[in-house]
Amino acid sequence: MKLITNLAIAFCLLSASAIAQDSGAPPAIYKPGGEIDAELDRAAANSASAGGWSVTIAPGITVRRRGSSVQQYAVLHPFSIEIYRILEGSGTLVTGGLLVPPLAESASPNIIRTLNGVKGGLAREVKAGDILVLQPGTPHWFSNIDGGSITYMESRVQITSHPIQYQQE
């Protein structure tokens, strides 16, 4: 009886494994551009946020739009790398240097921010098609947004459990 039970369990496991293999990998996560634009427009109509408005595509992947009519936070992420790909618009992105104190309240230990900008960073004019890679602990700030807004894809991936921070609080 024990042999029959073990054979039945083995058969079920092999069958489940075969079924799982036949189904293959899941499809790509997909969100149409029109849906992203509509969600960004709705979010912008409902708030004036210094962080801008974002649509989550997948965990750690967002499309964010920042408006030029609100003061921009300068931020750093001590645990994460960020990758920006500018989709629409242009502006001046300052990276490196130090956040100008005082630091503002933040609900996340992975977001250190100020409304006072960055001291000593490198200012670059960025536009649609540009890609930027921000290492953990790198202050960054849109010191200027041309026109009404800038839209970019933001990928933020936590790569360390020990904060990387050049900033002295």
C-alpha atoms as a PDB file:
ATOM      1  CA  MET A   1       0.000   0.000   0.000  1.00  0.00           C
ATOM      2  CA  LYS A   2       2.848   2.357   0.879  1.00  0.00           C
ATOM      3  CA  LEU A   3       4.445   1.656  -2.518  1.00  0.00           C
ATOM      4  CA  ILE A   4       1.207   2.489  -4.346  1.00  0.00           C
ATOM      5  CA  THR A   5       0.813   5.733  -2.367  1.00  0.00           C
ATOM      6  CA  ASN A   6       4.392   6.775  -3.109  1.00  0.00           C
ATOM      7  CA  LEU A   7       3.955   5.964  -6.805  1.00  0.00           C
ATOM      8  CA  ALA A   8       0.724   7.986  -6.908  1.00  0.00           C
ATOM      9  CA  ILE A   9       2.442  10.981  -5.276  1.00  0.00           C
ATOM     10  CA  ALA A  10       5.404  10.729  -7.659  1.00  0.00           C
ATOM     11  CA  PHE A  11       3.041  10.528 -10.655  1.00  0.00           C
ATOM     12  CA  CYS A  12       1.125  13.617  -9.481  1.00  0.00           C
ATOM     13  CA  LEU A  13       4.337  15.585  -8.977  1.00  0.00           C
ATOM     14  CA  LEU A  14       5.691  14.617 -12.387  1.00  0.00           C
ATOM     15  CA  SER A  15       2.361  15.464 -14.028  1.00  0.00           C
ATOM     16  CA  ALA A  16       2.240  18.869 -12.317  1.00  0.00           C
ATOM     17  CA  SER A  17       5.837  19.528 -13.370  1.00  0.00           C
ATOM     18  CA  ALA A  18       5.048  18.590 -16.967  1.00  0.00           C
ATOM     19  CA  ILE A  19       1.967  20.848 -17.007  1.00  0.00           C
ATOM     20  CA  ALA A  20       3.968  23.746 -15.571  1.00  0.00           C
ATOM     21  CA  GLN A  21       6.642  23.275 -18.231  1.00  0.00           C
ATOM     22  CA  ASP A  22       4.055  23.188 -21.012  1.00  0.00           C
ATOM     23  CA  SER A  23       2.606  26.547 -19.968  1.00  0.00           C
ATOM     24  CA  GLY A  24       5.960  28.326 -20.344  1.00  0.00           C
ATOM     25  CA  ALA A  25       6.926  31.684 -18.911  1.00  0.00           C
ATOM     26  CA  PRO A  26       4.328  34.357 -18.217  1.00  0.00           C
ATOM     27  CA  PRO A  27       3.838  37.071 -20.847  1.00  0.00           C
ATOM     28  CA  ALA A  28       5.406  40.541 -20.541  1.00  0.00           C
ATOM     29  CA  ILE A  29       3.733  43.141 -18.373  1.00  0.00           C
ATOM     30  CA  TYR A  30       2.049  45.572 -20.735  1.00  0.00           C
ATOM     31  CA  LYS A  31       0.418  48.954 -20.319  1.00  0.00           C
ATOM     32  CA  PRO A  32      -0.577  50.918 -23.451  1.00  0.00           C
ATOM     33  CA  GLY A  33       0.785  54.446 -23.856  1.00  0.00           C
ATOM     34  CA  GLY A  34      -2.699  55.955 -24.053  1.00  0.00           C
ATOM     35  CA  GLU A  35      -3.620  54.394 -20.710  1.00  0.00           C
ATOM     36  CA  ILE A  36      -0.410  55.722 -19.115  1.00  0.00           C
ATOM     37  CA  ASP A  37      -1.061  59.241 -20.453  1.00  0.00           C
ATOM     38  CA  ALA A  38      -4.684  59.181 -19.230  1.00  0.00           C
ATOM     39  CA  GLU A  39      -3.620  58.057 -15.727  1.00  0.00           C
ATOM     40  CA  LEU A  40      -0.926  60.765 -15.574  1.00  0.00           C
ATOM     41  CA  ASP A  41      -3.451  63.401 -16.709  1.00  0.00           C
ATOM     42  CA  ARG A  42      -5.978  62.301 -14.037  1.00  0.00           C
ATOM     43  CA  ALA A  43      -3.318  62.346 -11.310  1.00  0.00           C
ATOM     44  CA  ALA A  44      -2.109  65.812 -12.352  1.00  0.00           C
ATOM     45  CA  ALA A  45      -5.676  67.164 -12.330  1.00  0.00           C
ATOM     46  CA  ASN A  46      -6.174  65.938  -8.771  1.00  0.00           C
ATOM     47  CA  SER A  47      -2.999  67.238  -7.076  1.00  0.00           C
ATOM     48  CA  ALA A  48      -0.049  69.621  -7.245  1.00  0.00           C
ATOM     49  CA  SER A  49       2.822  67.459  -6.054  1.00  0.00           C
ATOM     50  CA  ALA A  50       6.517  68.379  -5.920  1.00  0.00           C
ATOM     51  CA  GLY A  51       7.253  64.707  -6.591  1.00  0.00           C
ATOM     52  CA  GLY A  52       5.131  64.741  -9.721  1.00  0.00           C
ATOM     53  CA  TRP A  53       2.617  62.112 -10.713  1.00  0.00           C
ATOM     54  CA  SER A  54       3.396  58.531 -11.492  1.00  0.00           C
ATOM     55  CA  VAL A  55       1.891  55.421 -12.999  1.00  0.00           C
ATOM     56  CA  THR A  56       3.257  52.106 -11.765  1.00  0.00           C
ATOM     57  CA  ILE A  57       3.999  49.677 -14.579  1.00  0.00           C
ATOM     58  CA  ALA A  58       5.567  46.905 -12.461  1.00  0.00           C
ATOM     59  CA  PRO A  59       7.242  46.805  -9.031  1.00  0.00           C
ATOM     60  CA  GLY A  60      10.046  49.382  -9.107  1.00  0.00           C
ATOM     61  CA  ILE A  61       9.089  50.634 -12.596  1.00  0.00           C
ATOM     62  CA  THR A  62       7.067  53.812 -13.024  1.00  0.00           C
ATOM     63  CA  VAL A  63       6.403  56.493 -15.579  1.00  0.00           C
ATOM     64  CA  ARG A  64       6.581  59.851 -13.823  1.00  0.00           C
ATOM     65  CA  ARG A  65       5.581  63.322 -14.973  1.00  0.00           C
ATOM     66  CA  ARG A  66       6.806  66.384 -13.136  1.00  0.00           C
ATOM     67  CA  GLY A  67       5.206  69.768 -13.653  1.00  0.00           C
ATOM     68  CA  SER A  68       7.133  73.017 -13.895  1.00  0.00           C
ATOM     69  CA  SER A  69       4.576  74.933 -11.816  1.00  0.00           C
ATOM     70  CA  VAL A  70       5.565  73.397  -8.453  1.00  0.00           C
ATOM     71  CA  GLN A  71       8.826  73.546  -6.514  1.00  0.00           C
ATOM     72  CA  GLN A  72      10.897  70.405  -7.065  1.00  0.00           C
ATOM     73  CA  TYR A  73      12.369  68.281  -4.293  1.00  0.00           C
ATOM     74  CA  ALA A  74      16.023  67.379  -4.527  1.00  0.00           C
ATOM     75  CA  VAL A  75      16.388  63.749  -3.406  1.00  0.00           C
ATOM     76  CA  LEU A  76      18.744  60.858  -2.905  1.00  0.00           C
ATOM     77  CA  HIS A  77      18.063  57.151  -2.483  1.00  0.00           C
ATOM     78  CA  PRO A  78      20.656  55.540  -0.172  1.00  0.00           C
ATOM     79  CA  PHE A  79      19.615  51.938  -0.923  1.00  0.00           C
ATOM     80  CA  SER A  80      18.700  52.071  -4.620  1.00  0.00           C
ATOM     81  CA  ILE A  81      19.981  52.666  -8.104  1.00  0.00           C
ATOM     82  CA  GLU A  82      17.668  54.675 -10.362  1.00  0.00           C
ATOM     83  CA  ILE A  83      17.535  54.723 -14.131  1.00  0.00           C
ATOM     84  CA  TYR A  84      15.735  57.532 -15.953  1.00  0.00           C
ATOM     85  CA  ARG A  85      14.773  57.539 -19.621  1.00  0.00           C
ATOM     86  CA  ILE A  86      13.368  60.889 -20.655  1.00  0.00           C
ATOM     87  CA  LEU A  87      10.205  60.305 -22.716  1.00  0.00           C
ATOM     88  CA  GLU A  88       8.862  63.842 -23.311  1.00  0.00           C
ATOM     89  CA  GLY A  89       9.964  67.362 -22.555  1.00  0.00           C
ATOM     90  CA  SER A  90      13.281  68.718 -21.398  1.00  0.00           C
ATOM     91  CA  GLY A  91      14.920  70.397 -18.457  1.00  0.00           C
ATOM     92  CA  THR A  92      18.007  70.707 -16.309  1.00  0.00           C
ATOM     93  CA  LEU A  93      18.839  67.741 -14.075  1.00  0.00           C
ATOM     94  CA  VAL A  94      21.502  68.305 -11.428  1.00  0.00           C
ATOM     95  CA  THR A  95      23.244  65.157 -10.149  1.00  0.00           C
ATOM     96  CA  GLY A  96      25.965  64.677  -7.533  1.00  0.00           C
ATOM     97  CA  GLY A  97      27.026  67.139  -4.866  1.00  0.00           C
ATOM     98  CA  LEU A  98      25.068  67.475  -1.630  1.00  0.00           C
ATOM     99  CA  LEU A  99      21.462  68.173  -0.712  1.00  0.00           C
ATOM    100  CA  VAL A 100      21.064  71.680   0.716  1.00  0.00           C
ATOM    101  CA  PRO A 101      19.713  71.500   4.302  1.00  0.00           C
ATOM    102  CA  PRO A 102      17.378  71.504   6.037  1.00  0.00           C
ATOM    103  CA  LEU A 103      16.158  68.075   5.004  1.00  0.00           C
ATOM    104  CA  ALA A 104      12.401  67.539   4.726  1.00  0.00           C
ATOM    105  CA  GLU A 105      10.277  64.853   6.329  1.00  0.00           C
ATOM    106  CA  SER A 106      10.042  61.589   4.415  1.00  0.00           C
ATOM    107  CA  ALA A 107       7.887  58.524   4.947  1.00  0.00           C
ATOM    108  CA  SER A 108      10.561  56.240   3.452  1.00  0.00           C
ATOM    109  CA  PRO A 109      14.138  55.578   4.608  1.00  0.00           C
ATOM    110  CA  ASN A 110      15.004  55.248   0.884  1.00  0.00           C
ATOM    111  CA  ILE A 111      14.013  58.853   0.137  1.00  0.00           C
ATOM    112  CA  ILE A 112      16.039  61.677   1.659  1.00  0.00           C
ATOM    113  CA  ARG A 113      14.895  65.044   0.320  1.00  0.00           C
ATOM    114  CA  THR A 114      14.951  68.810   0.535  1.00  0.00           C
ATOM    115  CA  LEU A 115      13.133  71.665  -1.164  1.00  0.00           C
ATOM    116  CA  ASN A 116      16.412  73.648  -1.213  1.00  0.00           C
ATOM    117  CA  GLY A 117      18.209  71.996  -4.129  1.00  0.00           C
ATOM    118  CA  VAL A 118      21.691  70.577  -4.589  1.00  0.00           C
ATOM    119  CA  LYS A 119      25.041  72.224  -3.901  1.00  0.00           C
ATOM    120  CA  GLY A 120      28.022  71.333  -6.091  1.00  0.00           C
ATOM    121  CA  GLY A 121      26.370  68.904  -8.511  1.00  0.00           C
ATOM    122  CA  LEU A 122      26.734  68.654 -12.282  1.00  0.00           C
ATOM    123  CA  ALA A 123      23.896  70.335 -14.232  1.00  0.00           C
ATOM    124  CA  ARG A 124      22.932  68.694 -17.530  1.00  0.00           C
ATOM    125  CA  GLU A 125      20.307  69.630 -20.071  1.00  0.00           C
ATOM    126  CA  VAL A 126      18.197  66.478 -20.613  1.00  0.00           C
ATOM    127  CA  LYS A 127      15.634  65.777 -23.335  1.00  0.00           C
ATOM    128  CA  ALA A 128      13.556  62.990 -24.845  1.00  0.00           C
ATOM    129  CA  GLY A 129      15.706  59.918 -25.544  1.00  0.00           C
ATOM    130  CA  ASP A 130      18.345  60.622 -22.871  1.00  0.00           C
ATOM    131  CA  ILE A 131      19.124  57.939 -20.261  1.00  0.00           C
ATOM    132  CA  LEU A 132      20.656  58.613 -16.842  1.00  0.00           C
ATOM    133  CA  VAL A 133      21.859  56.105 -14.254  1.00  0.00           C
ATOM    134  CA  LEU A 134      21.862  57.402 -10.672  1.00  0.00           C
ATOM    135  CA  GLN A 135      23.992  55.421  -8.251  1.00  0.00           C
ATOM    136  CA  PRO A 136      22.778  54.925  -4.651  1.00  0.00           C
ATOM    137  CA  GLY A 137      23.350  58.024  -2.536  1.00  0.00           C
ATOM    138  CA  THR A 138      23.523  60.383  -5.544  1.00  0.00           C
ATOM    139  CA  PRO A 139      21.560  63.601  -5.005  1.00  0.00           C
ATOM    140  CA  HIS A 140      19.443  64.606  -7.997  1.00  0.00           C
ATOM    141  CA  TRP A 141      17.117  67.469  -8.781  1.00  0.00           C
ATOM    142  CA  PHE A 142      15.311  69.033 -11.704  1.00  0.00           C
ATOM    143  CA  SER A 143      16.454  72.622 -11.171  1.00  0.00           C
ATOM    144  CA  ASN A 144      14.501  73.657 -14.268  1.00  0.00           C
ATOM    145  CA  ILE A 145      11.742  72.063 -16.336  1.00  0.00           C
ATOM    146  CA  ASP A 146      11.226  73.610 -19.777  1.00  0.00           C
ATOM    147  CA  GLY A 147       7.631  74.255 -20.746  1.00  0.00           C
ATOM    148  CA  GLY A 148       4.849  72.670 -18.726  1.00  0.00           C
ATOM    149  CA  SER A 149       6.309  69.289 -17.784  1.00  0.00           C
ATOM    150  CA  ILE A 150       8.872  66.552 -18.257  1.00  0.00           C
ATOM    151  CA  THR A 151       7.910  62.866 -18.435  1.00  0.00           C
ATOM    152  CA  TYR A 152      10.348  60.053 -17.801  1.00  0.00           C
ATOM    153  CA  MET A 153      10.425  56.333 -17.125  1.00  0.00           C
ATOM    154  CA  GLU A 154      11.919  55.650 -13.706  1.00  0.00           C
ATOM    155  CA  SER A 155      13.324  52.295 -12.656  1.00  0.00           C
ATOM    156  CA  ARG A 156      14.325  52.104  -8.998  1.00  0.00           C
ATOM    157  CA  VAL A 157      15.951  48.917  -7.748  1.00  0.00           C
ATOM    158  CA  GLN A 158      17.173  48.403  -4.205  1.00  0.00           C
ATOM    159  CA  ILE A 159      20.682  46.967  -4.473  1.00  0.00           C
ATOM    160  CA  THR A 160      21.974  47.203  -0.919  1.00  0.00           C
ATOM    161  CA  SER A 161      20.746  46.807   2.636  1.00  0.00           C
ATOM    162  CA  HIS A 162      23.420  49.233   3.901  1.00  0.00           C
ATOM    163  CA  PRO A 163      22.781  52.867   3.007  1.00  0.00           C
ATOM    164  CA  ILE A 164      25.206  54.588   0.673  1.00  0.00           C
ATOM    165  CA  GLN A 165      25.111  58.221   1.577  1.00  0.00           C
ATOM    166  CA  TYR A 166      27.584  61.029   1.072  1.00  0.00           C
ATOM    167  CA  GLN A 167      25.247  63.449   2.791  1.00  0.00           C
ATOM    168  CA  GLN A 168      25.986  64.503   6.363  1.00  0.00           C
ATOM    169  CA  GLU A 169      22.734  65.381   8.114  1.00  0.00           C
END
